[in-house]
Amino acid sequence: MHCRGLKDNIHSLNNPVMKKIGTGLLLMWVVACQQPAVDPLKQVDLFLGTGGHGHVHPAATVPFGMVQVGPDNGVDGWDWCSGYHYSSTTIAGFSHTHLSGGADSPSIFTRE
């Protein structure tokens, strides 16, 4: 008899603990439904560093950067040292090697 009374008390809507749990779940559901879903892929800028003086090439790169397949669009000056610059409106072709971020970095092929 005692266990049945305890069971009825737990599932009762008048139980203060159940009211708090129900209110918390309802609040979490309302907050979760109001948040817009953010697509993480829309937060990625593939051309970050390709304009201005960034000297970054937007090529797909294998580990250790020995091959970087991507577009080439000119050599109009120092800003095109990576082979690509965002401000250019033409693409001259595609190649497999590029120097990305080569502003003042030493070459990997030189000995000191």
Foldseek 3Di string as FASTA:
>chain_A
DVVVVVVCQVPDPVNPVVVVVVVVVVVVVVVVVPDDDDDVVVVDDLCPQQEDQSQADSFDADPPRPWGKDWAQDPPDNSCQQRGHPPGPDTPGIDTHGDGRVPPDDDPPDDD
